[in-house]
């Protein structure tokens, strides 16, 4: 338990059985009446953002969220199996929890896995990853980077838009937040 005076950005609260991360907070002391704390909270699981006001000094329940660097090993049915790089413990993470990160996840790749009381909450990848283009239509002579885009399939099976001059078996850098093409990677 903590009070509203202890709130900081990134603190995880347990409100009505759900986990919420504090995105912003502001202590307000009006000229008349009691002080209060205005907060913007993001639901850890759904990503929904809400504004919530607390009276100053009110007790709020904090949750312990453990973020660990883990290595993705393999897919087991609908679960993704991660291994803690320090203890070598394996953790099964449901596909729904992994979410869109599955589009950019390769075996033996490291990711940040957040857990609360042993239950996985979400998987966080680095902002960009390097992946191999396995299939795209061949480029034509004279295609330039400013001419447009075409679909390309990555080694994970995910499809992105790439410039027309790109060919199969090319490594590309991809933004993991929105799946956009960031550039070619030369070995």
Protein backbone atom coordinates (compact mmCIF):
# COMPACT_ATOMS: atom_id res chain seq x y z
CA UNK A 1 0.00 0.00 0.00
CA UNK A 2 1.11 3.54 -0.74
CA UNK A 3 -0.48 6.97 -0.57
CA UNK A 4 -1.26 9.24 -3.51
CA UNK A 5 1.74 11.34 -2.42
CA UNK A 6 4.03 8.43 -3.41
CA UNK A 7 2.76 8.18 -7.01
CA UNK A 8 5.37 8.38 -9.77
CA UNK A 9 5.27 7.78 -13.53
CA UNK A 10 5.54 4.05 -14.16
CA UNK A 11 4.05 3.01 -10.81
CA UNK A 12 1.61 0.11 -11.23
CA UNK A 13 -1.61 0.27 -9.18
CA UNK A 14 -4.21 -2.40 -8.51
CA UNK A 15 -7.65 -0.77 -8.80
CA UNK A 16 -10.85 -2.86 -8.78
CA UNK A 17 -8.84 -6.03 -9.47
CA UNK A 18 -7.12 -4.60 -12.57
CA UNK A 19 -3.57 -3.35 -13.06
CA UNK A 20 -3.05 0.28 -14.14
CA UNK A 21 0.21 2.11 -14.89
CA UNK A 22 0.54 5.78 -13.94
CA UNK A 23 1.36 7.71 -17.14
CA UNK A 24 1.06 11.22 -15.65
CA UNK A 25 0.16 12.68 -12.31
CA UNK A 26 -0.32 16.18 -10.94
CA UNK A 27 -0.75 17.29 -7.31
CA UNK A 28 -3.33 20.08 -7.16
CA UNK A 29 -3.87 22.38 -4.15
CA UNK A 30 -6.81 24.65 -4.89
CA UNK A 31 -7.26 27.82 -2.83
CA UNK A 32 -10.43 26.41 -1.33
CA UNK A 33 -11.02 22.80 -0.30
CA UNK A 34 -8.69 19.84 0.05
CA UNK A 35 -5.75 18.93 -2.17
CA UNK A 36 -6.12 16.18 -4.74
CA UNK A 37 -4.06 14.24 -7.28
CA UNK A 38 -5.06 14.14 -10.97
CA UNK A 39 -3.73 11.06 -12.76
CA UNK A 40 -3.77 9.55 -16.22
CA UNK A 41 -3.79 5.74 -15.95
CA UNK A 42 -3.20 3.09 -18.63
CA UNK A 43 -4.63 -0.41 -18.25
CA UNK A 44 -1.68 -2.84 -18.38
CA UNK A 45 -3.59 -5.55 -20.27
CA UNK A 46 -5.98 -3.66 -22.57
CA UNK A 47 -4.00 -0.44 -23.10
CA UNK A 48 -7.08 1.69 -22.31
CA UNK A 49 -6.22 5.16 -20.91
CA UNK A 50 -8.44 6.86 -18.32
CA UNK A 51 -8.26 10.00 -16.17
CA UNK A 52 -8.77 9.46 -12.44
CA UNK A 53 -8.72 11.86 -9.52
CA UNK A 54 -7.72 10.84 -5.98
CA UNK A 55 -7.96 12.88 -2.78
CA UNK A 56 -4.49 13.72 -1.42
CA UNK A 57 -3.13 11.22 1.11
CA UNK A 58 -5.58 8.43 0.14
CA UNK A 59 -4.12 4.92 0.28
CA UNK A 60 -3.79 3.11 -3.06
CA UNK A 61 -2.74 -0.49 -3.61
CA UNK A 62 0.45 -0.87 -5.61
CA UNK A 63 1.25 -4.01 -7.59
CA UNK A 64 4.68 -5.53 -8.03
CA UNK A 65 5.43 -5.90 -11.74
CA UNK A 66 8.61 -7.80 -12.50
CA UNK A 67 10.21 -6.99 -15.87
CA UNK A 68 12.87 -9.47 -16.95
CA UNK A 69 15.02 -9.97 -20.01
CA UNK A 70 13.97 -13.34 -21.44
CA UNK A 71 14.90 -15.34 -24.51
CA UNK A 72 12.15 -16.65 -26.81
CA UNK A 73 12.70 -20.39 -27.32
CA UNK A 74 9.82 -21.89 -29.31
CA UNK A 75 6.06 -22.00 -29.79
CA UNK A 76 4.20 -24.75 -27.92
CA UNK A 77 0.61 -24.98 -29.19
CA UNK A 78 -0.88 -21.53 -28.56
CA UNK A 79 1.80 -20.64 -26.00
CA UNK A 80 5.14 -18.95 -26.57
CA UNK A 81 7.92 -20.37 -24.36
CA UNK A 82 10.41 -17.88 -22.92
CA UNK A 83 13.48 -18.63 -20.80
CA UNK A 84 14.80 -16.37 -18.06
CA UNK A 85 18.41 -15.65 -19.07
CA UNK A 86 19.56 -15.57 -15.40
CA UNK A 87 17.78 -18.53 -13.80
CA UNK A 88 17.03 -20.60 -16.94
CA UNK A 89 13.41 -20.99 -15.75
CA UNK A 90 10.92 -21.40 -18.60
CA UNK A 91 7.71 -19.39 -18.79
CA UNK A 92 4.73 -20.21 -21.03
CA UNK A 93 3.12 -16.99 -22.32
CA UNK A 94 -0.31 -17.25 -24.04
CA UNK A 95 -0.56 -15.94 -27.61
CA UNK A 96 -3.13 -13.32 -26.52
CA UNK A 97 -0.57 -11.87 -24.07
CA UNK A 98 2.21 -11.78 -26.70
CA UNK A 99 -0.15 -9.98 -29.10
CA UNK A 100 1.35 -8.17 -32.10
CA UNK A 101 4.89 -8.85 -30.85
CA UNK A 102 4.50 -12.36 -32.35
CA UNK A 103 4.82 -10.80 -35.82
CA UNK A 104 8.43 -9.81 -35.10
CA UNK A 105 9.57 -12.60 -32.76
CA UNK A 106 12.28 -15.04 -33.86
CA UNK A 107 13.61 -18.01 -31.93
CA UNK A 108 16.53 -17.16 -29.60
CA UNK A 109 15.59 -13.46 -29.68
CA UNK A 110 15.56 -11.52 -26.40
CA UNK A 111 12.48 -9.63 -25.19
CA UNK A 112 11.30 -7.96 -21.99
CA UNK A 113 8.56 -10.01 -20.28
CA UNK A 114 6.54 -8.35 -17.50
CA UNK A 115 4.94 -10.58 -14.87
CA UNK A 116 2.78 -10.01 -11.80
CA UNK A 117 2.73 -12.80 -9.20
CA UNK A 118 4.03 -15.23 -11.84
CA UNK A 119 1.34 -14.38 -14.42
CA UNK A 120 2.67 -12.87 -17.67
CA UNK A 121 1.21 -9.42 -18.44
CA UNK A 122 2.88 -8.35 -21.69
CA UNK A 123 5.92 -8.85 -23.93
CA UNK A 124 7.97 -5.81 -24.95
CA UNK A 125 10.32 -5.97 -27.94
CA UNK A 126 13.06 -3.47 -28.80
CA UNK A 127 11.79 -0.52 -30.93
CA UNK A 128 13.19 -2.12 -34.09
CA UNK A 129 14.30 -5.59 -35.24
CA UNK A 130 16.20 -6.91 -38.24
CA UNK A 131 14.33 -9.54 -40.26
CA UNK A 132 14.87 -11.31 -43.59
CA UNK A 133 12.49 -10.76 -46.52
CA UNK A 134 11.54 -14.29 -47.67
CA UNK A 135 9.29 -13.32 -50.56
CA UNK A 136 8.48 -10.25 -52.62
CA UNK A 137 7.73 -9.64 -56.27
CA UNK A 138 10.92 -8.98 -58.26
CA UNK A 139 11.82 -5.33 -58.80
CA UNK A 140 11.91 -3.87 -62.28
CA UNK A 141 14.76 -1.92 -63.87
CA UNK A 142 14.38 1.75 -63.01
CA UNK A 143 12.39 1.27 -59.77
CA UNK A 144 13.42 3.92 -57.25
CA UNK A 145 12.80 4.31 -53.55
CA UNK A 146 10.42 7.25 -54.09
CA UNK A 147 8.30 5.41 -56.70
CA UNK A 148 6.07 3.50 -54.26
CA UNK A 149 5.84 0.32 -52.25
CA UNK A 150 4.99 -3.35 -52.66
CA UNK A 151 4.13 -6.12 -50.16
CA UNK A 152 6.93 -8.30 -48.78
CA UNK A 153 6.71 -11.38 -46.54
CA UNK A 154 9.18 -11.56 -43.63
CA UNK A 155 10.74 -14.70 -42.16
CA UNK A 156 8.14 -14.60 -39.35
CA UNK A 157 5.31 -14.76 -41.92
CA UNK A 158 4.28 -11.15 -41.34
CA UNK A 159 3.71 -8.94 -44.40
CA UNK A 160 4.94 -5.33 -44.62
CA UNK A 161 5.22 -2.68 -47.33
CA UNK A 162 8.74 -2.13 -48.75
CA UNK A 163 10.16 0.05 -51.56
CA UNK A 164 9.89 -1.37 -55.10
CA UNK A 165 13.65 -1.91 -55.53
CA UNK A 166 13.89 -4.38 -52.61
CA UNK A 167 14.39 -8.05 -53.47
CA UNK A 168 13.90 -11.34 -51.59
CA UNK A 169 16.71 -12.51 -49.24
CA UNK A 170 17.38 -8.91 -48.15
CA UNK A 171 17.62 -8.04 -44.46
CA UNK A 172 15.43 -5.11 -43.43
CA UNK A 173 14.94 -3.12 -40.24
CA UNK A 174 11.29 -3.07 -39.07
CA UNK A 175 9.61 -0.87 -36.45
CA UNK A 176 8.00 -3.23 -33.90
CA UNK A 177 5.43 -0.64 -32.78
CA UNK A 178 3.65 -0.21 -36.13
CA UNK A 179 5.27 -2.73 -38.51
CA UNK A 180 6.73 -0.10 -40.81
CA UNK A 181 9.84 -0.53 -42.98
CA UNK A 182 12.80 1.47 -41.61
CA UNK A 183 15.55 0.56 -44.07
CA UNK A 184 17.86 -2.05 -45.54
CA UNK A 185 20.49 -3.70 -43.35
CA UNK A 186 23.86 -4.45 -44.93
CA UNK A 187 25.85 -7.26 -43.33
